[in-house]
Amino acid sequence: MIIVLSALPSLFFFSSFGSNTQIAPPVKEPTLCEDFSKEIHFPLRSELTGLAIGVAEEQFAFSMDPTRPDREPYDRTQSHRFLIRLKESKQMKRMEMAPNSEAIRVGLSFHPAGYLQFSEDSSRFWLEFYWGIERQIKAFVKYRAPTEEIMTYREWTPVLMDTPLQTLEDFSQGSPFRELAASKWCGVDLLAKKIEGEKILHRIEIGASMQLIDCLLDDWLVFRSKTWEKCTLKELENIEAHQTFPVAHIVASSLQYLEVEGWEGESHVRFHINLSTPVAFKIKPEDLFSQLRVRSEKQVSCTMDKQCLVLRPGDWVFKSAGGRWKILRKFEEKKAFLTGNHAGEVFVLEKIGVAPSSKNIVGWYFSANRVQAVAIEMAQRSQKSRRANR
């Protein structure tokens, strides 16, 4: 006699031969995809066999958009935005819901490759969830059986995760965040770091115009007048109709990227601005200076690109767009250079050596975007060597 217990997840076969009872090896538990292909008459049923996609709750990630920084603190009675992400298809869907409101239903289906995807049809197979006053989500995967009875396949309490990182392709054309995500992190402003010590400015090149913005960690950007610009949190709170402006926050840095979070309306986003790889920056002192002459420990004369200059320790020499060298000596001039949109190579003279055996200059030469620097040390040629080269 053989008894089949089809209600169990696996099938067990019991046989009776005299006093011995034998149990056949259990049949492999059906996958989620196989379960539903048996229970529901999907059009794709024939393509959904043998695909292991795991337990239902492992396919979903839930996160709740944090409140904008220019809004009042979170009120547990107000509605909030939730982001649901399907881990295999990478699809995302935002839903707004208030605590203890009616459950939200999101249609599901299986892709021909076997993974879950969102569907416009929520009548046969769906995700259902609601948000309790205790700020916990209850989630259910349900389906309508051929008998029209609504069945619950899984029920669980998801843990709210961080907003998932998005890539450039995840932002729609025309989104300000697509432009920001496509930006280049040029690196750290080495000139500012050398002058201002621990203050580390990250140089970000934005858009086709290659606009440079210098940001500290924890700085804020706002998108208005069709461009990104720096602002403070206090300024954000005072902007008229600020809720229409996208805002971004520089959260952290690593060796390879800057981590940024932002809000477009009430929707929260996270993404990376990747470090660009610069062309190697090299220069020889003799290519930079000629006719170097140490006059004293406070003054040296030289020629740069056939332009005669007299330099002192602490001077900055800036190469302008027209190719002319300009000396920056006053504090106000240097400050304006650091905070302005200047782009040009810079030499900083640190020291003049006046010992008879080593009359020289020591300094640093910075690339046009100031993220690379070369140490410069050049000795004054002796009178004997100058006469030999005449």
Foldseek 3Di string as FASTA:
>chain_A
DWDWDVVDQWTWTWDDDPPDIDIDPTDDRAAPQLVCLVFDVDPLSVLAPPDHPDDPVVQKAKAWQAFDLLDDHDDLQDKTKMWIAGVPVRDIDIDIAGAPDAKDKWAWDADSVHGIDTDPDRQAWTKIWHAHSVRWIKIWTWGQGPVRDIDTPDIDIHDHDPADADALVVDDPPDPVNQQNAKAFAAWQQVCCVVVPPFTWTWIQTDPVRFTDTDGAFWKWKQDPNDIDTDHSVVCNVDVVSLQIKMKHFHDDDPFWTWMWIDHNSDIHIYTRTHDDDDDDDDAQVLAWDPWDDPDFAWIWTAGPNRTDIDGAFWKWWQAPVRDTDIDDDPVSVVCVVPDRFFTKMWHWHTADDPPVFGKTWTWIAHRSNRDIDTYIDGRDDPVVVVVVD
